[in-house]
Amino acid sequence: MNVLVINAGSSSLKYQLLNVETREVYAKGNCERIGIDGSFIGHEEMGGEKHRTVVELPNHKVAAEHVLDILTDLDVPIDGIGHRVVQGGWLITESVPVTEESIGWVREVAPLAPLHNYGEADVIEYCLQRMPDVMGVIVPDTAFHSMIPERAWRYALPRDVVDKLKIRKYGAHGTSHRYIWRASNEFLKGDIHKLVSCHLGSGASLCAIQDGRDMDTTMGLTPLDGLIMGTRCGSIDPATVCYLQREGGYTVDEVDTMMNKQSGMLALSGLSSDSRDIEQAADDGDENCQLALDMFAYRTAQLVMEMCQALEGIDTLAFSAGIGENSATMRAKIAEKLAWMGLAIDPEKNAVRSDDVRDISAPDSKIRVLVVPTDEEYMIALDVKQILGK
């Protein structure tokens, strides 16, 4: 079965056409700078060279039109389409077929993720109109977190306010955390029960998973909560927002932009939101970058312990995503801060780079430590296959 996976971001659209059974990727690419000057499409086929084409992309619908035109020329049949949606909210708590009604749900919960959901709904609608005989499936990133215990998702705000505005912990990266559990469980042949999944990238979150069920996660109503990220501040005193408005004179939109796009590792380092740049500068003696890395490791270790409490224990820790998969330095820093609980990694194993799941635990570690390259596209494709099978 061939599945087209579409991941529409706030100003981008990534896509991948793959075979679910063999995991062969026929084509993949990205539409960048949608609605911004200098937009382009990067496309590659059958693992070949990536070609970049400058093209005007005023909105997500036009980007989707270009993608389907490109894939039509490839002449590979598409059996289903999986649409990654950032926010399913209170209406989409599991992957569902694309219908006019379910597209309406994506729009209805869009105030929770306005930069993403509206564009995603436009793409889903266009694909349905252009390919009405090919079933689409909506796969919300929030779905995996929808069944966490109430003690973990409820906020201590007045109930009438919470109920009226649908305020709760929705989380994010759920598709990735689902895949990390699945891949870890397969790698360990079922010998895993309490996993702390660490999706560490420009966006970052942790998840507590017990026997496949999500028990808690670090992102909240929005993806701003939890860990320090590339440009997001992560958890701070919520009164900081009021203080910035009252004493600093910032508007709501200015505070929102500051906390989402001007903070995090970018603000701490004063250099970049990219951890690779920060690590290089830290090695060269930049004290701000050294502090940024130390704070990221410190806060990650703190949140690992929060997730351990949700699980009332831990047997496995998994690193994934851009930083988690590729930064041996950051994995070592985090492991060092968790050494008191008996976690230890093998330096030689930690230094190895691979696209496969691997165990980097030291022989005497009381907790298994894995590196799990995430594959959200494959997870989405599996959902499409399952729903098509029904």
Protein backbone atom coordinates (compact mmCIF):
# COMPACT_ATOMS: atom_id res chain seq x y z
CA MET A 1 0.00 0.00 0.00
CA ASN A 2 1.33 3.40 -1.02
CA VAL A 3 0.53 6.30 1.31
CA LEU A 4 1.15 9.99 0.80
CA VAL A 5 1.90 11.69 4.11
CA ILE A 6 1.43 15.45 4.25
CA ASN A 7 2.69 17.56 7.13
CA ALA A 8 1.62 21.20 6.80
CA GLY A 9 3.36 23.64 9.13
CA SER A 10 2.77 27.34 9.70
CA SER A 11 4.81 28.35 6.63
CA SER A 12 5.88 24.99 5.22
CA LEU A 13 4.51 21.75 3.82
CA LYS A 14 6.49 18.52 3.99
CA TYR A 15 5.46 15.39 2.14
CA GLN A 16 6.52 11.80 1.69
CA LEU A 17 5.17 9.04 -0.54
CA LEU A 18 6.04 5.63 0.86
CA ASN A 19 5.12 1.97 0.76
CA VAL A 20 3.81 0.93 4.17
CA GLU A 21 4.82 -2.72 3.85
CA THR A 22 8.39 -2.24 2.59
CA ARG A 23 8.95 1.28 4.02
CA GLU A 24 10.42 2.26 0.66
CA VAL A 25 10.22 6.02 0.11
CA TYR A 26 9.37 6.82 -3.50
CA ALA A 27 9.53 10.58 -3.13
CA LYS A 28 9.74 13.25 -0.47
CA GLY A 29 10.16 16.97 -0.27
CA ASN A 30 9.29 20.24 1.32
CA CYS A 31 7.57 23.46 0.35
CA GLU A 32 9.20 26.30 2.28
CA ARG A 33 8.41 29.96 2.98
CA ILE A 34 4.71 29.64 2.13
CA GLY A 35 3.20 33.11 2.07
CA ILE A 36 6.68 34.66 2.25
CA ASP A 37 8.99 36.01 -0.44
CA GLY A 38 11.58 33.54 -1.68
CA SER A 39 9.39 30.45 -1.49
CA PHE A 40 10.62 27.20 -3.05
CA ILE A 41 10.07 23.45 -3.31
CA GLY A 42 12.74 20.88 -2.58
CA HIS A 43 12.00 17.45 -4.05
CA GLU A 44 13.81 14.12 -4.33
CA GLU A 45 12.82 10.75 -5.77
CA MET A 46 13.96 7.19 -5.04
CA GLY A 47 16.73 8.42 -2.75
CA GLY A 48 18.27 10.48 -5.53
CA GLU A 49 19.58 14.02 -5.56
CA LYS A 50 17.37 16.73 -4.12
CA HIS A 51 16.29 19.40 -6.60
CA ARG A 52 15.22 22.86 -5.53
CA THR A 53 12.71 24.86 -7.57
CA VAL A 54 11.88 28.49 -6.87
CA VAL A 55 8.11 28.90 -7.16
CA GLU A 56 5.53 31.31 -5.79
CA LEU A 57 3.61 29.77 -2.89
CA PRO A 58 1.07 32.32 -1.65
CA ASN A 59 -0.78 29.80 0.53
CA HIS A 60 -0.91 26.15 1.58
CA LYS A 61 -3.52 25.22 -1.03
CA VAL A 62 -1.21 26.29 -3.86
CA ALA A 63 1.65 24.37 -2.24
CA ALA A 64 -0.51 21.21 -2.11
CA GLU A 65 -1.45 21.72 -5.76
CA HIS A 66 2.24 21.77 -6.76
CA VAL A 67 2.97 18.67 -4.68
CA LEU A 68 0.18 16.63 -6.27
CA ASP A 69 1.27 17.79 -9.73
CA ILE A 70 4.83 16.60 -9.01
CA LEU A 71 3.65 13.24 -7.70
CA THR A 72 1.30 12.75 -10.66
CA ASP A 73 4.34 12.93 -12.93
CA LEU A 74 6.03 10.28 -10.78
CA ASP A 75 3.34 7.80 -11.83
CA VAL A 76 3.19 5.89 -8.53
CA PRO A 77 -0.37 5.04 -7.44
CA ILE A 78 -1.53 6.66 -4.20
CA ASP A 79 -3.80 4.40 -2.13
CA GLY A 80 -4.34 6.75 0.81
CA ILE A 81 -3.34 10.13 2.19
CA GLY A 82 -2.34 10.79 5.80
CA HIS A 83 -2.62 14.36 7.05
CA ARG A 84 -0.70 15.33 10.15
CA VAL A 85 -2.73 17.87 12.13
CA VAL A 86 -1.10 19.72 15.01
CA GLN A 87 -4.22 20.17 17.14
CA GLY A 88 -7.17 17.80 17.28
CA GLY A 89 -8.50 19.50 20.39
CA TRP A 90 -11.55 18.09 22.13
CA LEU A 91 -13.13 16.90 18.86
CA ILE A 92 -10.54 14.60 17.26
CA THR A 93 -9.10 12.26 19.86
CA GLU A 94 -8.00 9.55 17.42
CA SER A 95 -7.12 9.28 13.73
CA VAL A 96 -10.27 9.67 11.62
CA PRO A 97 -11.20 9.53 7.92
CA VAL A 98 -11.36 12.81 6.03
CA THR A 99 -14.93 14.03 5.53
CA GLU A 100 -16.49 17.45 5.26
CA GLU A 101 -17.44 17.06 8.93
CA SER A 102 -13.95 16.15 10.14
CA ILE A 103 -12.43 19.03 8.15
CA GLY A 104 -14.88 21.26 10.02
CA TRP A 105 -13.56 19.87 13.30
CA VAL A 106 -10.00 20.86 12.33
CA ARG A 107 -11.22 24.41 11.74
CA GLU A 108 -13.33 24.50 14.90
CA VAL A 109 -10.38 23.74 17.19
CA ALA A 110 -8.02 26.00 15.21
CA PRO A 111 -7.98 28.77 17.87
CA LEU A 112 -5.76 26.39 19.88
CA ALA A 113 -3.20 26.34 17.03
CA PRO A 114 -4.13 29.12 14.60
CA LEU A 115 -0.79 29.17 12.78
CA HIS A 116 -1.16 25.51 11.83
CA ASN A 117 -4.73 24.22 11.78
CA TYR A 118 -6.22 26.66 9.29
CA GLY A 119 -3.54 25.89 6.69
CA GLU A 120 -3.82 22.18 7.40
CA ALA A 121 -7.59 22.29 6.90
CA ASP A 122 -7.11 24.03 3.54
CA VAL A 123 -4.69 21.31 2.40
CA ILE A 124 -6.99 18.49 3.52
CA GLU A 125 -9.94 20.09 1.75
CA TYR A 126 -7.97 20.55 -1.48
CA CYS A 127 -6.77 16.94 -1.50
CA LEU A 128 -10.35 15.72 -0.96
CA GLN A 129 -11.59 17.82 -3.88
CA ARG A 130 -8.78 16.83 -6.22
CA MET A 131 -8.62 13.14 -5.30
CA PRO A 132 -12.14 12.27 -4.07
CA ASP A 133 -11.64 8.54 -4.65
CA VAL A 134 -8.52 8.36 -2.43
CA MET A 135 -9.32 8.13 1.27
CA GLY A 136 -7.65 10.70 3.48
CA VAL A 137 -7.00 10.25 7.18
CA ILE A 138 -6.53 13.00 9.76
CA VAL A 139 -3.83 12.10 12.30
CA PRO A 140 -3.74 14.64 15.16
CA ASP A 141 -0.52 15.09 17.11
CA THR A 142 -2.65 15.51 20.21
CA ALA A 143 -4.55 12.23 19.90
CA PHE A 144 -2.04 10.10 21.83
CA HIS A 145 -2.36 12.46 24.81
CA SER A 146 -6.15 12.56 24.87
CA MET A 147 -6.48 9.69 27.36
CA ILE A 148 -3.97 10.79 29.99
CA PRO A 149 -5.42 10.74 33.54
CA GLU A 150 -7.44 13.78 34.58
CA ARG A 151 -4.96 14.53 37.35
CA ALA A 152 -2.40 15.13 34.61
CA TRP A 153 -4.48 17.08 32.09
CA ARG A 154 -6.69 19.30 34.26
CA TYR A 155 -5.59 22.83 35.21
CA ALA A 156 -6.48 24.37 38.58
CA LEU A 157 -8.62 27.10 37.05
CA PRO A 158 -12.34 27.76 37.66
CA ARG A 159 -14.32 24.89 36.20
CA ASP A 160 -16.77 27.09 34.33
CA VAL A 161 -13.87 28.81 32.53
CA VAL A 162 -12.13 25.52 31.78
CA ASP A 163 -15.31 23.92 30.47
CA LYS A 164 -16.38 26.90 28.37
CA LEU A 165 -13.01 27.43 26.66
CA LYS A 166 -11.98 23.74 26.56
CA ILE A 167 -8.78 24.44 28.51
CA ARG A 168 -6.65 21.40 29.33
CA LYS A 169 -3.27 19.86 28.63
CA TYR A 170 -3.40 18.75 24.99
CA GLY A 171 0.31 18.06 24.45
CA ALA A 172 2.07 17.68 21.11
CA HIS A 173 4.51 15.35 19.30
CA GLY A 174 2.07 12.54 20.06
CA THR A 175 2.69 10.78 16.74
CA SER A 176 6.43 10.78 17.41
CA HIS A 177 6.01 9.51 20.97
CA ARG A 178 3.73 6.73 19.70
CA TYR A 179 6.41 5.70 17.22
CA ILE A 180 9.16 5.83 19.86
CA TRP A 181 7.14 3.47 22.06
CA ARG A 182 6.44 1.13 19.14
CA ALA A 183 10.08 1.02 17.99
CA SER A 184 11.40 0.60 21.56
CA ASN A 185 8.94 -2.20 22.26
CA GLU A 186 9.95 -4.02 19.08
CA PHE A 187 13.67 -3.54 19.78
CA LEU A 188 13.33 -4.90 23.32
CA LYS A 189 10.97 -7.69 22.23
CA GLY A 190 8.27 -6.59 24.65
CA ASP A 191 10.57 -6.35 27.67
CA ILE A 192 9.54 -2.78 28.41
CA HIS A 193 6.81 -1.35 30.61
CA LYS A 194 7.69 2.16 31.78
CA LEU A 195 9.25 4.37 29.12
CA VAL A 196 10.19 8.03 29.31
CA SER A 197 10.26 9.21 25.70
CA CYS A 198 12.41 12.31 25.02
CA HIS A 199 11.61 14.03 21.72
CA LEU A 200 14.42 16.59 21.76
CA GLY A 201 14.62 18.91 18.78
CA SER A 202 13.93 22.53 17.95
CA GLY A 203 10.54 21.67 19.42
CA ALA A 204 10.88 19.37 22.40
CA SER A 205 8.69 17.37 24.75
CA LEU A 206 8.83 14.35 27.02
CA CYS A 207 6.18 11.69 27.46
CA ALA A 208 5.52 9.07 30.13
CA ILE A 209 4.31 5.83 28.51
CA GLN A 210 3.23 2.75 30.43
CA ASP A 211 2.59 -0.39 28.39
CA GLY A 212 1.73 1.76 25.38
CA ARG A 213 -0.57 4.17 27.22
CA ASP A 214 0.33 7.82 27.63
CA MET A 215 0.28 8.80 31.30
CA ASP A 216 1.57 12.37 31.02
CA THR A 217 3.49 14.74 28.78
CA THR A 218 5.32 18.04 29.19
CA MET A 219 3.58 20.29 26.64
CA GLY A 220 0.31 21.83 27.74
CA LEU A 221 -2.59 23.76 26.24
CA THR A 222 -0.08 24.79 23.57
CA PRO A 223 3.39 23.59 22.54
CA LEU A 224 4.96 26.47 24.51
CA ASP A 225 4.90 24.62 27.82
CA GLY A 226 7.56 22.31 29.22
CA LEU A 227 11.14 22.15 28.07
CA ILE A 228 13.28 25.03 26.80
CA MET A 229 13.25 24.79 22.99
CA GLY A 230 14.91 26.38 19.99
CA THR A 231 12.93 29.63 20.16
CA ARG A 232 10.29 28.81 22.83
CA CYS A 233 10.85 29.71 26.47
CA GLY A 234 9.20 26.60 27.90
CA SER A 235 7.63 26.64 31.39
CA ILE A 236 7.88 29.95 33.24
CA ASP A 237 5.87 31.68 35.94
CA PRO A 238 2.55 32.40 34.16
CA ALA A 239 2.41 35.82 35.84
CA THR A 240 5.40 36.77 33.67
CA VAL A 241 2.89 37.38 30.86
CA CYS A 242 0.94 39.86 33.00
CA TYR A 243 4.16 41.53 34.17
CA LEU A 244 5.45 42.01 30.64
CA GLN A 245 2.17 43.60 29.61
CA ARG A 246 1.72 45.75 32.70
CA GLU A 247 5.30 46.90 33.32
CA GLY A 248 6.92 46.38 29.92
CA GLY A 249 4.05 47.72 27.85
CA TYR A 250 4.07 44.73 25.51
CA THR A 251 0.88 43.74 23.71
CA VAL A 252 -0.60 40.25 23.83
CA ASP A 253 0.71 39.53 20.33
CA GLU A 254 4.17 40.87 21.19
CA VAL A 255 4.41 38.63 24.26
CA ASP A 256 3.20 35.67 22.21
CA THR A 257 5.85 36.33 19.55
CA MET A 258 8.55 36.86 22.18
CA MET A 259 7.86 33.61 24.00
CA ASN A 260 7.38 31.48 20.89
CA LYS A 261 9.89 32.90 18.43
CA GLN A 262 12.48 34.99 20.29
CA SER A 263 13.20 32.97 23.42
CA GLY A 264 14.59 29.54 24.28
CA MET A 265 18.06 28.52 23.16
CA LEU A 266 18.17 31.49 20.79
CA ALA A 267 17.74 33.95 23.65
CA LEU A 268 20.04 32.10 26.06
CA SER A 269 22.90 31.69 23.61
CA GLY A 270 22.49 35.05 21.91
CA LEU A 271 23.70 33.23 18.81
CA SER A 272 21.34 30.68 17.29
CA SER A 273 18.36 28.41 17.90
CA ASP A 274 20.30 25.51 16.32
CA SER A 275 21.97 23.31 18.93
CA ARG A 276 24.78 22.45 16.52
CA ASP A 277 25.84 26.08 16.32
CA ILE A 278 25.53 26.41 20.09
CA GLU A 279 27.62 23.31 20.78
CA GLN A 280 30.36 24.53 18.45
CA ALA A 281 30.45 27.96 20.10
CA ALA A 282 30.42 26.36 23.56
CA ASP A 283 33.45 24.26 22.59
CA ASP A 284 35.16 27.49 21.53
CA GLY A 285 34.58 28.99 24.97
CA ASP A 286 31.35 30.99 24.56
CA GLU A 287 29.96 31.18 28.10
CA ASN A 288 26.40 32.04 27.03
CA CYS A 289 26.29 28.96 24.83
CA GLN A 290 27.74 26.82 27.60
CA LEU A 291 24.98 28.08 29.91
CA ALA A 292 22.31 27.38 27.28
CA LEU A 293 23.43 23.76 26.94
CA ASP A 294 23.65 23.29 30.70
CA MET A 295 20.17 24.73 31.22
CA PHE A 296 18.71 22.49 28.50
CA ALA A 297 20.27 19.39 30.07
CA TYR A 298 19.25 20.45 33.59
CA ARG A 299 15.64 21.12 32.62
CA THR A 300 15.42 17.90 30.61
CA ALA A 301 16.64 15.91 33.63
CA GLN A 302 14.05 17.65 35.82
CA LEU A 303 11.26 16.75 33.41
CA VAL A 304 12.48 13.15 33.18
CA MET A 305 11.81 12.93 36.90
CA GLU A 306 8.32 14.41 36.45
CA MET A 307 7.59 11.71 33.90
CA CYS A 308 9.03 9.05 36.24
CA GLN A 309 6.53 10.17 38.88
CA ALA A 310 3.69 9.81 36.37
CA LEU A 311 4.86 6.23 35.79
CA GLU A 312 5.84 5.59 39.42
CA GLY A 313 9.10 4.25 38.11
CA ILE A 314 11.07 3.78 34.90
CA ASP A 315 12.79 0.94 33.09
CA THR A 316 13.71 2.66 29.80
CA LEU A 317 14.70 6.13 28.64
CA ALA A 318 14.65 6.89 24.91
CA PHE A 319 16.29 9.82 23.12
CA SER A 320 14.86 10.91 19.78
CA ALA A 321 14.47 13.80 17.27
CA GLY A 322 17.18 16.15 16.02
CA ILE A 323 19.07 16.71 19.26
CA GLY A 324 18.19 13.41 20.91
CA GLU A 325 19.30 11.37 17.91
CA ASN A 326 22.37 13.33 16.85
CA SER A 327 23.95 15.05 19.85
CA ALA A 328 26.15 12.68 21.82
CA THR A 329 27.18 15.70 23.88
CA MET A 330 23.66 16.49 25.04
CA ARG A 331 22.81 12.84 25.74
CA ALA A 332 25.93 12.63 27.91
CA LYS A 333 25.06 15.85 29.77
CA ILE A 334 21.54 14.65 30.53
CA ALA A 335 22.75 11.20 31.58
CA GLU A 336 25.31 12.80 33.90
CA LYS A 337 22.56 14.74 35.68
CA LEU A 338 20.56 11.52 36.12
CA ALA A 339 23.52 9.44 37.34
CA TRP A 340 22.29 9.65 40.94
CA MET A 341 19.32 7.42 40.01
CA GLY A 342 21.59 4.73 38.58
CA LEU A 343 21.37 5.76 34.90
CA ALA A 344 24.61 5.49 32.96
CA ILE A 345 25.55 5.40 29.28
CA ASP A 346 28.53 3.82 27.57
CA PRO A 347 30.71 6.59 26.02
CA GLU A 348 31.73 4.44 23.05
CA LYS A 349 28.16 3.38 22.27
CA ASN A 350 26.99 6.95 22.72
CA ALA A 351 29.49 8.17 20.11
CA VAL A 352 28.12 5.84 17.40
CA ARG A 353 25.83 7.39 14.78
CA SER A 354 23.21 5.19 13.15
CA ASP A 355 19.75 5.29 11.62
CA ASP A 356 18.79 2.21 13.65
CA VAL A 357 17.46 1.89 17.18
CA ARG A 358 20.38 1.26 19.49
CA ASP A 359 21.09 0.65 23.18
CA ILE A 360 23.71 3.02 24.62
CA SER A 361 23.39 1.89 28.24
CA ALA A 362 26.48 1.20 30.30
CA PRO A 363 26.68 -2.42 31.54
CA ASP A 364 25.94 -1.34 35.12
CA SER A 365 23.09 1.06 34.31
CA LYS A 366 19.90 0.40 36.26
CA ILE A 367 17.89 1.95 33.43
CA ARG A 368 18.08 1.08 29.75
CA VAL A 369 18.95 4.03 27.55
CA LEU A 370 18.02 3.89 23.86
CA VAL A 371 18.46 6.15 20.87
CA VAL A 372 15.38 5.83 18.65
CA PRO A 373 15.33 7.67 15.31
CA THR A 374 11.73 8.83 15.06
CA ASP A 375 9.59 8.29 11.97
CA GLU A 376 6.33 10.18 12.22
CA GLU A 377 5.59 9.68 8.52
CA TYR A 378 5.65 5.90 8.90
CA MET A 379 3.44 6.10 11.99
CA ILE A 380 0.91 8.22 10.08
CA ALA A 381 1.05 5.80 7.13
CA LEU A 382 0.29 2.91 9.50
CA ASP A 383 -2.81 4.75 10.73
CA VAL A 384 -3.94 5.21 7.13
CA LYS A 385 -3.43 1.51 6.45
CA GLN A 386 -5.39 0.52 9.56
CA ILE A 387 -8.35 2.78 8.77
CA LEU A 388 -8.38 1.77 5.11
CA GLY A 389 -8.44 -1.85 6.28
CA LYS A 390 -11.65 -1.17 8.16
